Amino acid sequence: MDKLLLCLCFSLGAHGGNGPKQPRDRLFGEDKFQHFFVSFIATGLAAGTARLAGADHRTSLYIGAATGAAAGAAKEVLDARNPRDTASVLDFAWDLGGVGLATAIAAQAK
């Protein structure tokens, strides 16, 4: 799984062809914070919903983290396939940051 995620990250960051230059991807920006908070909320909602549905604490954390990471990865795959958008490894890193913080907070709730 880790190798697959690494390949995805590298493939999203690869630029090919002679198309128009894309704007430089910055580490901080409104877009990055949107990625962080959407992933944070998706993770928290999925974990909470799993817990309400009867999943145990650990399983609900896994479900939440997987849902948040999958949503972020899906967004970047869609961006990579859309010629008007740009896929970004930094966007995905911010997604994973939101997933991590939401999971850490949810892990403290019992």
PDB file of N, CA and C in Angstrom:
ATOM      1  N   MET A   1       0.816  -1.192   0.000  1.00  0.00           N
ATOM      2  CA  MET A   1       0.000   0.000   0.000  1.00  0.00           C
ATOM      3  C   MET A   1       0.860   1.255   0.000  1.00  0.00           C
ATOM      4  N   ASP A   2       1.953   1.260   0.801  1.00  0.00           N
ATOM      5  CA  ASP A   2       2.825   2.422   0.847  1.00  0.00           C
ATOM      6  C   ASP A   2       3.477   2.674  -0.506  1.00  0.00           C
ATOM      7  N   LYS A   3       3.846   1.613  -1.218  1.00  0.00           N
ATOM      8  CA  LYS A   3       4.461   1.772  -2.537  1.00  0.00           C
ATOM      9  C   LYS A   3       3.457   2.350  -3.523  1.00  0.00           C
ATOM     10  N   LEU A   4       2.201   1.929  -3.420  1.00  0.00           N
ATOM     11  CA  LEU A   4       1.159   2.453  -4.300  1.00  0.00           C
ATOM     12  C   LEU A   4       0.944   3.941  -4.047  1.00  0.00           C
ATOM     13  N   LEU A   5       0.905   4.348  -2.791  1.00  0.00           N
ATOM     14  CA  LEU A   5       0.727   5.747  -2.444  1.00  0.00           C
ATOM     15  C   LEU A   5       1.909   6.581  -2.930  1.00  0.00           C
ATOM     16  N   LEU A   6       3.110   6.058  -2.783  1.00  0.00           N
ATOM     17  CA  LEU A   6       4.307   6.751  -3.253  1.00  0.00           C
ATOM     18  C   LEU A   6       4.272   6.925  -4.765  1.00  0.00           C
ATOM     19  N   CYS A   7       3.877   5.887  -5.495  1.00  0.00           N
ATOM     20  CA  CYS A   7       3.769   5.982  -6.956  1.00  0.00           C
ATOM     21  C   CYS A   7       2.722   7.009  -7.354  1.00  0.00           C
ATOM     22  N   LEU A   8       1.604   7.050  -6.634  1.00  0.00           N
ATOM     23  CA  LEU A   8       0.557   8.024  -6.917  1.00  0.00           C
ATOM     24  C   LEU A   8       1.085   9.443  -6.728  1.00  0.00           C
ATOM     25  N   CYS A   9       1.796   9.657  -5.634  1.00  0.00           N
ATOM     26  CA  CYS A   9       2.336  10.994  -5.373  1.00  0.00           C
ATOM     27  C   CYS A   9       3.306  11.423  -6.464  1.00  0.00           C
ATOM     28  N   PHE A  10       4.200  10.523  -6.875  1.00  0.00           N
ATOM     29  CA  PHE A  10       5.153  10.869  -7.929  1.00  0.00           C
ATOM     30  C   PHE A  10       4.453  11.090  -9.263  1.00  0.00           C
ATOM     31  N   SER A  11       3.455  10.289  -9.562  1.00  0.00           N
ATOM     32  CA  SER A  11       2.776  10.439 -10.849  1.00  0.00           C
ATOM     33  C   SER A  11       1.962  11.724 -10.897  1.00  0.00           C
ATOM     34  N   LEU A  12       1.420  12.162  -9.758  1.00  0.00           N
ATOM     35  CA  LEU A  12       0.672  13.408  -9.738  1.00  0.00           C
ATOM     36  C   LEU A  12       1.587  14.611  -9.913  1.00  0.00           C
ATOM     37  N   GLY A  13       2.810  14.482  -9.473  1.00  0.00           N
ATOM     38  CA  GLY A  13       3.749  15.590  -9.576  1.00  0.00           C
ATOM     39  C   GLY A  13       4.477  15.643 -10.902  1.00  0.00           C
ATOM     40  N   ALA A  14       4.352  14.627 -11.734  1.00  0.00           N
ATOM     41  CA  ALA A  14       5.065  14.590 -13.008  1.00  0.00           C
ATOM     42  C   ALA A  14       4.375  15.500 -14.014  1.00  0.00           C
ATOM     43  N   HIS A  15       5.168  16.273 -14.720  1.00  0.00           N
ATOM     44  CA  HIS A  15       4.646  17.151 -15.761  1.00  0.00           C
ATOM     45  C   HIS A  15       5.244  16.715 -17.076  1.00  0.00           C
ATOM     46  N   GLY A  16       4.399  16.548 -18.058  1.00  0.00           N
ATOM     47  CA  GLY A  16       4.891  16.137 -19.361  1.00  0.00           C
ATOM     48  C   GLY A  16       4.306  17.015 -20.440  1.00  0.00           C
ATOM     49  N   GLY A  17       4.851  16.908 -21.618  1.00  0.00           N
ATOM     50  CA  GLY A  17       4.318  17.642 -22.756  1.00  0.00           C
ATOM     51  C   GLY A  17       4.815  19.074 -22.805  1.00  0.00           C
ATOM     52  N   ASN A  18       4.393  19.749 -23.855  1.00  0.00           N
ATOM     53  CA  ASN A  18       4.799  21.128 -24.073  1.00  0.00           C
ATOM     54  C   ASN A  18       3.642  22.088 -23.874  1.00  0.00           C
ATOM     55  N   GLY A  19       2.707  21.740 -23.023  1.00  0.00           N
ATOM     56  CA  GLY A  19       1.537  22.580 -22.783  1.00  0.00           C
ATOM     57  C   GLY A  19       1.917  23.863 -22.065  1.00  0.00           C
ATOM     58  N   PRO A  20       0.919  24.701 -21.809  1.00  0.00           N
ATOM     59  CA  PRO A  20       1.197  25.963 -21.129  1.00  0.00           C
ATOM     60  C   PRO A  20       1.741  25.721 -19.729  1.00  0.00           C
ATOM     61  N   LYS A  21       2.604  26.607 -19.287  1.00  0.00           N
ATOM     62  CA  LYS A  21       3.185  26.473 -17.947  1.00  0.00           C
ATOM     63  C   LYS A  21       2.103  26.681 -16.901  1.00  0.00           C
ATOM     64  N   GLN A  22       2.108  25.817 -15.907  1.00  0.00           N
ATOM     65  CA  GLN A  22       1.162  25.929 -14.811  1.00  0.00           C
ATOM     66  C   GLN A  22       1.726  26.893 -13.769  1.00  0.00           C
ATOM     67  N   PRO A  23       0.851  27.571 -13.020  1.00  0.00           N
ATOM     68  CA  PRO A  23       1.347  28.448 -11.969  1.00  0.00           C
ATOM     69  C   PRO A  23       2.110  27.636 -10.922  1.00  0.00           C
ATOM     70  N   ARG A  24       3.077  28.270 -10.322  1.00  0.00           N
ATOM     71  CA  ARG A  24       3.902  27.602  -9.311  1.00  0.00           C
ATOM     72  C   ARG A  24       3.040  27.177  -8.124  1.00  0.00           C
ATOM     73  N   ASP A  25       3.236  25.957  -7.679  1.00  0.00           N
ATOM     74  CA  ASP A  25       2.486  25.417  -6.544  1.00  0.00           C
ATOM     75  C   ASP A  25       3.152  25.891  -5.259  1.00  0.00           C
ATOM     76  N   ARG A  26       2.426  26.606  -4.455  1.00  0.00           N
ATOM     77  CA  ARG A  26       2.975  27.154  -3.215  1.00  0.00           C
ATOM     78  C   ARG A  26       2.593  26.272  -2.029  1.00  0.00           C
ATOM     79  N   LEU A  27       3.450  26.296  -1.013  1.00  0.00           N
ATOM     80  CA  LEU A  27       3.209  25.486   0.183  1.00  0.00           C
ATOM     81  C   LEU A  27       2.021  26.005   0.981  1.00  0.00           C
ATOM     82  N   PHE A  28       1.870  27.320   1.043  1.00  0.00           N
ATOM     83  CA  PHE A  28       0.773  27.921   1.790  1.00  0.00           C
ATOM     84  C   PHE A  28      -0.115  28.701   0.835  1.00  0.00           C
ATOM     85  N   GLY A  29      -1.384  28.692   1.104  1.00  0.00           N
ATOM     86  CA  GLY A  29      -2.330  29.434   0.286  1.00  0.00           C
ATOM     87  C   GLY A  29      -3.739  29.023   0.652  1.00  0.00           C
ATOM     88  N   GLU A  30      -4.697  29.806   0.178  1.00  0.00           N
ATOM     89  CA  GLU A  30      -6.096  29.517   0.493  1.00  0.00           C
ATOM     90  C   GLU A  30      -6.480  28.103   0.061  1.00  0.00           C
ATOM     91  N   ASP A  31      -6.012  27.690  -1.110  1.00  0.00           N
ATOM     92  CA  ASP A  31      -6.305  26.362  -1.632  1.00  0.00           C
ATOM     93  C   ASP A  31      -5.806  25.269  -0.678  1.00  0.00           C
ATOM     94  N   LYS A  32      -4.637  25.455  -0.104  1.00  0.00           N
ATOM     95  CA  LYS A  32      -4.066  24.438   0.793  1.00  0.00           C
ATOM     96  C   LYS A  32      -4.898  24.310   2.058  1.00  0.00           C
ATOM     97  N   PHE A  33      -5.340  25.432   2.605  1.00  0.00           N
ATOM     98  CA  PHE A  33      -6.150  25.380   3.822  1.00  0.00           C
ATOM     99  C   PHE A  33      -7.520  24.765   3.542  1.00  0.00           C
ATOM    100  N   GLN A  34      -8.048  24.984   2.347  1.00  0.00           N
ATOM    101  CA  GLN A  34      -9.300  24.333   1.968  1.00  0.00           C
ATOM    102  C   GLN A  34      -9.118  22.823   1.919  1.00  0.00           C
ATOM    103  N   HIS A  35      -8.015  22.358   1.336  1.00  0.00           N
ATOM    104  CA  HIS A  35      -7.736  20.925   1.310  1.00  0.00           C
ATOM    105  C   HIS A  35      -7.657  20.374   2.727  1.00  0.00           C
ATOM    106  N   PHE A  36      -6.936  21.078   3.599  1.00  0.00           N
ATOM    107  CA  PHE A  36      -6.761  20.633   4.979  1.00  0.00           C
ATOM    108  C   PHE A  36      -8.109  20.490   5.683  1.00  0.00           C
ATOM    109  N   PHE A  37      -8.932  21.535   5.621  1.00  0.00           N
ATOM    110  CA  PHE A  37     -10.175  21.519   6.380  1.00  0.00           C
ATOM    111  C   PHE A  37     -11.230  20.596   5.789  1.00  0.00           C
ATOM    112  N   VAL A  38     -11.289  20.469   4.488  1.00  0.00           N
ATOM    113  CA  VAL A  38     -12.250  19.525   3.895  1.00  0.00           C
ATOM    114  C   VAL A  38     -11.875  18.098   4.288  1.00  0.00           C
ATOM    115  N   SER A  39     -10.592  17.771   4.250  1.00  0.00           N
ATOM    116  CA  SER A  39     -10.157  16.429   4.656  1.00  0.00           C
ATOM    117  C   SER A  39     -10.381  16.208   6.146  1.00  0.00           C
ATOM    118  N   PHE A  40     -10.135  17.248   6.945  1.00  0.00           N
ATOM    119  CA  PHE A  40     -10.367  17.176   8.386  1.00  0.00           C
ATOM    120  C   PHE A  40     -11.832  16.852   8.670  1.00  0.00           C
ATOM    121  N   ILE A  41     -12.725  17.586   8.018  1.00  0.00           N
ATOM    122  CA  ILE A  41     -14.160  17.395   8.235  1.00  0.00           C
ATOM    123  C   ILE A  41     -14.622  16.038   7.708  1.00  0.00           C
ATOM    124  N   ALA A  42     -14.161  15.646   6.509  1.00  0.00           N
ATOM    125  CA  ALA A  42     -14.555  14.350   5.949  1.00  0.00           C
ATOM    126  C   ALA A  42     -14.115  13.207   6.857  1.00  0.00           C
ATOM    127  N   THR A  43     -12.907  13.316   7.391  1.00  0.00           N
ATOM    128  CA  THR A  43     -12.387  12.277   8.286  1.00  0.00           C
ATOM    129  C   THR A  43     -13.209  12.205   9.567  1.00  0.00           C
ATOM    130  N   GLY A  44     -13.466  13.359  10.161  1.00  0.00           N
ATOM    131  CA  GLY A  44     -14.237  13.393  11.406  1.00  0.00           C
ATOM    132  C   GLY A  44     -15.660  12.889  11.231  1.00  0.00           C
ATOM    133  N   LEU A  45     -16.293  13.304  10.141  1.00  0.00           N
ATOM    134  CA  LEU A  45     -17.659  12.839   9.890  1.00  0.00           C
ATOM    135  C   LEU A  45     -17.711  11.336   9.637  1.00  0.00           C
ATOM    136  N   ALA A  46     -16.765  10.829   8.860  1.00  0.00           N
ATOM    137  CA  ALA A  46     -16.764   9.393   8.572  1.00  0.00           C
ATOM    138  C   ALA A  46     -16.495   8.583   9.834  1.00  0.00           C
ATOM    139  N   ALA A  47     -15.549   9.046  10.654  1.00  0.00           N
ATOM    140  CA  ALA A  47     -15.249   8.328  11.902  1.00  0.00           C
ATOM    141  C   ALA A  47     -16.440   8.379  12.853  1.00  0.00           C
ATOM    142  N   GLY A  48     -17.052   9.553  12.972  1.00  0.00           N
ATOM    143  CA  GLY A  48     -18.213   9.686  13.853  1.00  0.00           C
ATOM    144  C   GLY A  48     -19.396   8.861  13.383  1.00  0.00           C
ATOM    145  N   THR A  49     -19.612   8.843  12.080  1.00  0.00           N
ATOM    146  CA  THR A  49     -20.716   8.054  11.530  1.00  0.00           C
ATOM    147  C   THR A  49     -20.475   6.563  11.734  1.00  0.00           C
ATOM    148  N   ALA A  50     -19.237   6.141  11.551  1.00  0.00           N
ATOM    149  CA  ALA A  50     -18.906   4.730  11.776  1.00  0.00           C
ATOM    150  C   ALA A  50     -19.128   4.355  13.238  1.00  0.00           C
ATOM    151  N   ARG A  51     -18.768   5.258  14.131  1.00  0.00           N
ATOM    152  CA  ARG A  51     -18.956   5.000  15.566  1.00  0.00           C
ATOM    153  C   ARG A  51     -20.446   4.915  15.904  1.00  0.00           C
ATOM    154  N   LEU A  52     -21.240   5.822  15.332  1.00  0.00           N
ATOM    155  CA  LEU A  52     -22.688   5.788  15.568  1.00  0.00           C
ATOM    156  C   LEU A  52     -23.331   4.534  14.988  1.00  0.00           C
ATOM    157  N   ALA A  53     -22.738   4.011  13.919  1.00  0.00           N
ATOM    158  CA  ALA A  53     -23.274   2.811  13.279  1.00  0.00           C
ATOM    159  C   ALA A  53     -22.886   1.541  14.030  1.00  0.00           C
ATOM    160  N   GLY A  54     -22.064   1.687  15.069  1.00  0.00           N
ATOM    161  CA  GLY A  54     -21.737   0.533  15.895  1.00  0.00           C
ATOM    162  C   GLY A  54     -20.314   0.018  15.781  1.00  0.00           C
ATOM    163  N   ALA A  55     -19.481   0.672  14.994  1.00  0.00           N
ATOM    164  CA  ALA A  55     -18.088   0.242  14.877  1.00  0.00           C
ATOM    165  C   ALA A  55     -17.352   0.548  16.178  1.00  0.00           C
ATOM    166  N   ASP A  56     -16.368  -0.271  16.506  1.00  0.00           N
ATOM    167  CA  ASP A  56     -15.592   0.013  17.710  1.00  0.00           C
ATOM    168  C   ASP A  56     -14.684   1.219  17.460  1.00  0.00           C
ATOM    169  N   HIS A  57     -14.040   1.691  18.518  1.00  0.00           N
ATOM    170  CA  HIS A  57     -13.253   2.925  18.453  1.00  0.00           C
ATOM    171  C   HIS A  57     -12.157   2.847  17.395  1.00  0.00           C
ATOM    172  N   ARG A  58     -11.376   1.797  17.430  1.00  0.00           N
ATOM    173  CA  ARG A  58     -10.250   1.662  16.488  1.00  0.00           C
ATOM    174  C   ARG A  58     -10.739   1.554  15.041  1.00  0.00           C
ATOM    175  N   THR A  59     -11.754   0.756  14.816  1.00  0.00           N
ATOM    176  CA  THR A  59     -12.290   0.591  13.463  1.00  0.00           C
ATOM    177  C   THR A  59     -12.827   1.907  12.921  1.00  0.00           C
ATOM    178  N   SER A  60     -13.497   2.678  13.774  1.00  0.00           N
ATOM    179  CA  SER A  60     -14.029   3.964  13.320  1.00  0.00           C
ATOM    180  C   SER A  60     -12.893   4.918  12.937  1.00  0.00           C
ATOM    181  N   LEU A  61     -11.765   4.846  13.647  1.00  0.00           N
ATOM    182  CA  LEU A  61     -10.606   5.674  13.277  1.00  0.00           C
ATOM    183  C   LEU A  61     -10.072   5.272  11.904  1.00  0.00           C
ATOM    184  N   TYR A  62      -9.973   3.979  11.664  1.00  0.00           N
ATOM    185  CA  TYR A  62      -9.506   3.506  10.355  1.00  0.00           C
ATOM    186  C   TYR A  62     -10.462   3.923   9.241  1.00  0.00           C
ATOM    187  N   ILE A  63     -11.743   3.806   9.490  1.00  0.00           N
ATOM    188  CA  ILE A  63     -12.734   4.187   8.481  1.00  0.00           C
ATOM    189  C   ILE A  63     -12.641   5.686   8.194  1.00  0.00           C
ATOM    190  N   GLY A  64     -12.528   6.490   9.231  1.00  0.00           N
ATOM    191  CA  GLY A  64     -12.411   7.932   9.046  1.00  0.00           C
ATOM    192  C   GLY A  64     -11.160   8.313   8.274  1.00  0.00           C
ATOM    193  N   ALA A  65     -10.020   7.756   8.666  1.00  0.00           N
ATOM    194  CA  ALA A  65      -8.753   8.079   7.998  1.00  0.00           C
ATOM    195  C   ALA A  65      -8.766   7.616   6.542  1.00  0.00           C
ATOM    196  N   ALA A  66      -9.283   6.434   6.303  1.00  0.00           N
ATOM    197  CA  ALA A  66      -9.335   5.921   4.930  1.00  0.00           C
ATOM    198  C   ALA A  66     -10.257   6.772   4.061  1.00  0.00           C
ATOM    199  N   THR A  67     -11.384   7.198   4.626  1.00  0.00           N
ATOM    200  CA  THR A  67     -12.322   8.028   3.868  1.00  0.00           C
ATOM    201  C   THR A  67     -11.705   9.381   3.533  1.00  0.00           C
ATOM    202  N   GLY A  68     -11.084  10.023   4.500  1.00  0.00           N
ATOM    203  CA  GLY A  68     -10.455  11.322   4.264  1.00  0.00           C
ATOM    204  C   GLY A  68      -9.324  11.235   3.246  1.00  0.00           C
ATOM    205  N   ALA A  69      -8.478  10.212   3.367  1.00  0.00           N
ATOM    206  CA  ALA A  69      -7.369  10.045   2.428  1.00  0.00           C
ATOM    207  C   ALA A  69      -7.877   9.705   1.031  1.00  0.00           C
ATOM    208  N   ALA A  70      -8.903   8.871   0.955  1.00  0.00           N
ATOM    209  CA  ALA A  70      -9.461   8.503  -0.350  1.00  0.00           C
ATOM    210  C   ALA A  70     -10.091   9.710  -1.035  1.00  0.00           C
ATOM    211  N   ALA A  71     -10.759  10.558  -0.273  1.00  0.00           N
ATOM    212  CA  ALA A  71     -11.364  11.761  -0.858  1.00  0.00           C
ATOM    213  C   ALA A  71     -10.285  12.688  -1.411  1.00  0.00           C
ATOM    214  N   GLY A  72      -9.207  12.866  -0.664  1.00  0.00           N
ATOM    215  CA  GLY A  72      -8.108  13.706  -1.143  1.00  0.00           C
ATOM    216  C   GLY A  72      -7.436  13.132  -2.377  1.00  0.00           C
ATOM    217  N   ALA A  73      -7.203  11.829  -2.370  1.00  0.00           N
ATOM    218  CA  ALA A  73      -6.577  11.177  -3.529  1.00  0.00           C
ATOM    219  C   ALA A  73      -7.493  11.261  -4.751  1.00  0.00           C
ATOM    220  N   ALA A  74      -8.783  11.073  -4.542  1.00  0.00           N
ATOM    221  CA  ALA A  74      -9.728  11.140  -5.665  1.00  0.00           C
ATOM    222  C   ALA A  74      -9.745  12.536  -6.276  1.00  0.00           C
ATOM    223  N   LYS A  75      -9.697  13.560  -5.440  1.00  0.00           N
ATOM    224  CA  LYS A  75      -9.673  14.932  -5.947  1.00  0.00           C
ATOM    225  C   LYS A  75      -8.435  15.174  -6.804  1.00  0.00           C
ATOM    226  N   GLU A  76      -7.293  14.683  -6.361  1.00  0.00           N
ATOM    227  CA  GLU A  76      -6.060  14.889  -7.124  1.00  0.00           C
ATOM    228  C   GLU A  76      -6.058  14.078  -8.420  1.00  0.00           C
ATOM    229  N   VAL A  77      -6.634  12.902  -8.405  1.00  0.00           N
ATOM    230  CA  VAL A  77      -6.741  12.113  -9.638  1.00  0.00           C
ATOM    231  C   VAL A  77      -7.651  12.833 -10.633  1.00  0.00           C
ATOM    232  N   LEU A  78      -8.765  13.372 -10.147  1.00  0.00           N
ATOM    233  CA  LEU A  78      -9.654  14.147 -11.025  1.00  0.00           C
ATOM    234  C   LEU A  78      -8.943  15.377 -11.577  1.00  0.00           C
ATOM    235  N   ASP A  79      -8.174  16.057 -10.737  1.00  0.00           N
ATOM    236  CA  ASP A  79      -7.409  17.219 -11.205  1.00  0.00           C
ATOM    237  C   ASP A  79      -6.387  16.822 -12.266  1.00  0.00           C
ATOM    238  N   ALA A  80      -5.766  15.662 -12.103  1.00  0.00           N
ATOM    239  CA  ALA A  80      -4.764  15.199 -13.070  1.00  0.00           C
ATOM    240  C   ALA A  80      -5.406  14.890 -14.418  1.00  0.00           C
ATOM    241  N   ARG A  81      -6.642  14.457 -14.417  1.00  0.00           N
ATOM    242  CA  ARG A  81      -7.323  14.097 -15.664  1.00  0.00           C
ATOM    243  C   ARG A  81      -7.999  15.288 -16.336  1.00  0.00           C
ATOM    244  N   ASN A  82      -8.181  16.380 -15.611  1.00  0.00           N
ATOM    245  CA  ASN A  82      -8.845  17.553 -16.152  1.00  0.00           C
ATOM    246  C   ASN A  82      -7.789  18.528 -16.673  1.00  0.00           C
ATOM    247  N   PRO A  83      -7.810  18.866 -17.962  1.00  0.00           N
ATOM    248  CA  PRO A  83      -6.776  19.749 -18.501  1.00  0.00           C
ATOM    249  C   PRO A  83      -6.816  21.176 -17.924  1.00  0.00           C
ATOM    250  N   ARG A  84      -7.935  21.588 -17.347  1.00  0.00           N
ATOM    251  CA  ARG A  84      -8.030  22.927 -16.762  1.00  0.00           C
ATOM    252  C   ARG A  84      -7.514  22.978 -15.332  1.00  0.00           C
ATOM    253  N   ASP A  85      -7.298  21.831 -14.697  1.00  0.00           N
ATOM    254  CA  ASP A  85      -6.829  21.778 -13.315  1.00  0.00           C
ATOM    255  C   ASP A  85      -5.422  21.226 -13.253  1.00  0.00           C
ATOM    256  N   THR A  86      -4.802  21.386 -12.115  1.00  0.00           N
ATOM    257  CA  THR A  86      -3.451  20.889 -11.898  1.00  0.00           C
ATOM    258  C   THR A  86      -3.445  20.007 -10.660  1.00  0.00           C
ATOM    259  N   ALA A  87      -3.015  18.774 -10.810  1.00  0.00           N
ATOM    260  CA  ALA A  87      -2.852  17.897  -9.658  1.00  0.00           C
ATOM    261  C   ALA A  87      -1.628  18.362  -8.884  1.00  0.00           C
ATOM    262  N   SER A  88      -1.669  18.200  -7.586  1.00  0.00           N
ATOM    263  CA  SER A  88      -0.586  18.713  -6.754  1.00  0.00           C
ATOM    264  C   SER A  88      -0.284  17.763  -5.605  1.00  0.00           C
ATOM    265  N   VAL A  89       0.984  17.420  -5.489  1.00  0.00           N
ATOM    266  CA  VAL A  89       1.423  16.612  -4.354  1.00  0.00           C
ATOM    267  C   VAL A  89       1.259  17.413  -3.066  1.00  0.00           C
ATOM    268  N   LEU A  90       1.475  18.731  -3.140  1.00  0.00           N
ATOM    269  CA  LEU A  90       1.296  19.571  -1.952  1.00  0.00           C
ATOM    270  C   LEU A  90      -0.161  19.603  -1.499  1.00  0.00           C
ATOM    271  N   ASP A  91      -1.083  19.629  -2.448  1.00  0.00           N
ATOM    272  CA  ASP A  91      -2.499  19.559  -2.075  1.00  0.00           C
ATOM    273  C   ASP A  91      -2.782  18.262  -1.326  1.00  0.00           C
ATOM    274  N   PHE A  92      -2.242  17.168  -1.840  1.00  0.00           N
ATOM    275  CA  PHE A  92      -2.470  15.874  -1.189  1.00  0.00           C
ATOM    276  C   PHE A  92      -1.797  15.825   0.180  1.00  0.00           C
ATOM    277  N   ALA A  93      -0.649  16.466   0.312  1.00  0.00           N
ATOM    278  CA  ALA A  93       0.014  16.521   1.617  1.00  0.00           C
ATOM    279  C   ALA A  93      -0.850  17.281   2.631  1.00  0.00           C
ATOM    280  N   TRP A  94      -1.478  18.375   2.202  1.00  0.00           N
ATOM    281  CA  TRP A  94      -2.384  19.114   3.080  1.00  0.00           C
ATOM    282  C   TRP A  94      -3.619  18.273   3.406  1.00  0.00           C
ATOM    283  N   ASP A  95      -4.095  17.497   2.425  1.00  0.00           N
ATOM    284  CA  ASP A  95      -5.206  16.577   2.693  1.00  0.00           C
ATOM    285  C   ASP A  95      -4.819  15.610   3.810  1.00  0.00           C
ATOM    286  N   LEU A  96      -3.634  15.029   3.699  1.00  0.00           N
ATOM    287  CA  LEU A  96      -3.181  14.065   4.702  1.00  0.00           C
ATOM    288  C   LEU A  96      -2.955  14.721   6.058  1.00  0.00           C
ATOM    289  N   GLY A  97      -2.559  15.991   6.063  1.00  0.00           N
ATOM    290  CA  GLY A  97      -2.438  16.716   7.325  1.00  0.00           C
ATOM    291  C   GLY A  97      -3.788  16.848   8.024  1.00  0.00           C
ATOM    292  N   GLY A  98      -4.823  17.160   7.254  1.00  0.00           N
ATOM    293  CA  GLY A  98      -6.172  17.238   7.816  1.00  0.00           C
ATOM    294  C   GLY A  98      -6.648  15.891   8.328  1.00  0.00           C
ATOM    295  N   VAL A  99      -6.352  14.848   7.582  1.00  0.00           N
ATOM    296  CA  VAL A  99      -6.712  13.488   8.002  1.00  0.00           C
ATOM    297  C   VAL A  99      -5.995  13.141   9.310  1.00  0.00           C
ATOM    298  N   GLY A 100      -4.709  13.466   9.366  1.00  0.00           N
ATOM    299  CA  GLY A 100      -3.915  13.145  10.562  1.00  0.00           C
ATOM    300  C   GLY A 100      -4.419  13.861  11.802  1.00  0.00           C
ATOM    301  N   LEU A 101      -4.706  15.161  11.679  1.00  0.00           N
ATOM    302  CA  LEU A 101      -5.172  15.904  12.841  1.00  0.00           C
ATOM    303  C   LEU A 101      -6.557  15.418  13.289  1.00  0.00           C
ATOM    304  N   ALA A 102      -7.448  15.190  12.354  1.00  0.00           N
ATOM    305  CA  ALA A 102      -8.780  14.699  12.713  1.00  0.00           C
ATOM    306  C   ALA A 102      -8.695  13.332  13.379  1.00  0.00           C
ATOM    307  N   THR A 103      -7.826  12.475  12.874  1.00  0.00           N
ATOM    308  CA  THR A 103      -7.666  11.142  13.462  1.00  0.00           C
ATOM    309  C   THR A 103      -7.077  11.246  14.864  1.00  0.00           C
ATOM    310  N   ALA A 104      -6.101  12.129  15.046  1.00  0.00           N
ATOM    311  CA  ALA A 104      -5.497  12.313  16.365  1.00  0.00           C
ATOM    312  C   ALA A 104      -6.523  12.828  17.381  1.00  0.00           C
ATOM    313  N   ILE A 105      -7.358  13.753  16.954  1.00  0.00           N
ATOM    314  CA  ILE A 105      -8.393  14.282  17.850  1.00  0.00           C
ATOM    315  C   ILE A 105      -9.436  13.208  18.159  1.00  0.00           C
ATOM    316  N   ALA A 106      -9.867  12.491  17.130  1.00  0.00           N
ATOM    317  CA  ALA A 106     -10.869  11.436  17.338  1.00  0.00           C
ATOM    318  C   ALA A 106     -10.314  10.310  18.212  1.00  0.00           C
ATOM    319  N   ALA A 107      -9.008  10.072  18.138  1.00  0.00           N
ATOM    320  CA  ALA A 107      -8.401   9.006  18.943  1.00  0.00           C
ATOM    321  C   ALA A 107      -8.454   9.351  20.436  1.00  0.00           C
ATOM    322  N   GLN A 108      -8.510  10.627  20.758  1.00  0.00           N
ATOM    323  CA  GLN A 108      -8.578  11.039  22.165  1.00  0.00           C
ATOM    324  C   GLN A 108      -9.972  10.877  22.750  1.00  0.00           C
ATOM    325  N   ALA A 109     -10.989  10.850  21.902  1.00  0.00           N
ATOM    326  CA  ALA A 109     -12.369  10.679  22.377  1.00  0.00           C
ATOM    327  C   ALA A 109     -12.645   9.199  22.584  1.00  0.00           C
ATOM    328  N   LYS A 110     -13.241   8.878  23.667  1.00  0.00           N
ATOM    329  CA  LYS A 110     -13.553   7.466  23.924  1.00  0.00           C
ATOM    330  C   LYS A 110     -14.981   7.317  24.183  1.00  0.00           C
TER     331      LYS A 110
END
